[in-house]
Amino acid sequence: MICTVNQKKRESGQRVNNRLLEDLIGRAMDMGVKLVLIADPGRSFLDTFSENLVKDMSGERWDPTVEQPYSFLGKVTKAGSV
């Protein structure tokens, strides 16, 4: 696989953003937040993040399709429980 410099920078930035997001969710849970929901239209860099979140925080992941009132196809990740 051939990666350009920009692709490598983007991938590195995505890992940093994922780590920051993981830290933010972990701090929220430590402060008493019971449930975190993340809705995303299906960006690939959140796939790995969501998979790890599901494993590490007893989460779930759905791929809902909504037709009304507007068409939507995306992903919802749940961490924690109420």
Protein backbone atom coordinates (compact mmCIF):
# COMPACT_ATOMS: atom_id res chain seq x y z
CA MET A 1 0.00 0.00 0.00
CA ILE A 2 1.32 3.44 -0.93
CA CYS A 3 0.50 6.30 1.44
CA THR A 4 1.19 9.93 0.75
CA VAL A 5 2.52 12.27 3.42
CA ASN A 6 -0.94 13.85 3.73
CA GLN A 7 -2.56 10.44 4.26
CA LYS A 8 -0.05 9.63 7.01
CA LYS A 9 -0.64 12.99 8.70
CA ARG A 10 -4.42 12.51 8.47
CA GLU A 11 -4.21 8.99 9.93
CA SER A 12 -1.96 10.23 12.74
CA GLY A 13 -4.36 13.08 13.47
CA GLN A 14 -7.28 10.66 13.53
CA ARG A 15 -5.52 8.48 16.10
CA VAL A 16 -4.92 11.56 18.27
CA ASN A 17 -8.57 12.61 17.92
CA ASN A 18 -9.72 9.09 18.80
CA ARG A 19 -7.50 9.10 21.89
CA LEU A 20 -8.86 12.49 22.93
CA LEU A 21 -12.41 11.31 22.43
CA GLU A 22 -11.72 8.13 24.43
CA ASP A 23 -10.24 10.24 27.25
CA LEU A 24 -13.23 12.59 27.21
CA ILE A 25 -15.71 9.71 27.43
CA GLY A 26 -13.67 8.04 30.18
CA ARG A 27 -13.60 11.28 32.22
CA ALA A 28 -17.33 11.72 31.72
CA MET A 29 -17.97 8.18 32.98
CA ASP A 30 -15.67 8.82 35.97
CA MET A 31 -17.73 11.93 36.79
CA GLY A 32 -20.98 9.95 36.83
CA VAL A 33 -22.24 10.04 33.25
CA LYS A 34 -24.08 6.76 32.69
CA LEU A 35 -24.72 6.79 28.94
CA VAL A 36 -22.90 8.21 25.91
CA LEU A 37 -24.38 8.06 22.40
CA ILE A 38 -22.36 8.99 19.32
CA ALA A 39 -24.19 9.41 16.02
CA ASP A 40 -22.10 9.49 12.87
CA PRO A 41 -22.92 9.39 9.16
CA GLY A 42 -20.36 6.62 8.69
CA ARG A 43 -16.91 8.20 8.61
CA SER A 44 -14.32 5.44 8.44
CA PHE A 45 -11.98 6.75 11.15
CA LEU A 46 -14.74 6.35 13.73
CA ASP A 47 -15.21 2.68 12.85
CA THR A 48 -12.14 1.54 14.78
CA PHE A 49 -12.89 3.95 17.59
CA SER A 50 -16.45 2.62 17.87
CA GLU A 51 -15.29 -1.00 17.83
CA ASN A 52 -12.86 -0.30 20.69
CA LEU A 53 -15.49 1.63 22.62
CA VAL A 54 -17.93 -1.26 22.32
CA LYS A 55 -15.30 -3.69 23.67
CA ASP A 56 -13.91 -1.49 26.43
CA MET A 57 -17.08 0.14 27.76
CA SER A 58 -19.78 -2.51 27.35
CA GLY A 59 -21.16 -0.73 24.35
CA GLU A 60 -23.34 -1.48 21.38
CA ARG A 61 -23.33 -0.33 17.79
CA TRP A 62 -26.23 0.09 15.39
CA ASP A 63 -26.44 0.93 11.71
CA PRO A 64 -29.87 2.54 11.53
CA THR A 65 -31.65 3.66 8.40
CA VAL A 66 -34.35 6.28 8.80
CA GLU A 67 -36.72 7.23 6.00
CA GLN A 68 -39.00 9.80 7.71
CA PRO A 69 -38.98 12.76 8.08
CA TYR A 70 -35.65 12.72 6.19
CA SER A 71 -33.62 9.87 4.78
CA PHE A 72 -30.58 9.03 6.93
CA LEU A 73 -28.06 6.22 6.88
CA GLY A 74 -25.41 6.22 9.57
CA LYS A 75 -24.00 4.61 12.69
CA VAL A 76 -24.84 5.01 16.36
CA THR A 77 -22.45 3.87 19.08
CA LYS A 78 -23.61 3.44 22.68
CA ALA A 79 -21.28 3.28 25.69
CA GLY A 80 -22.53 2.59 29.18
CA SER A 81 -26.11 2.06 30.27
CA VAL A 82 -28.82 3.86 32.16
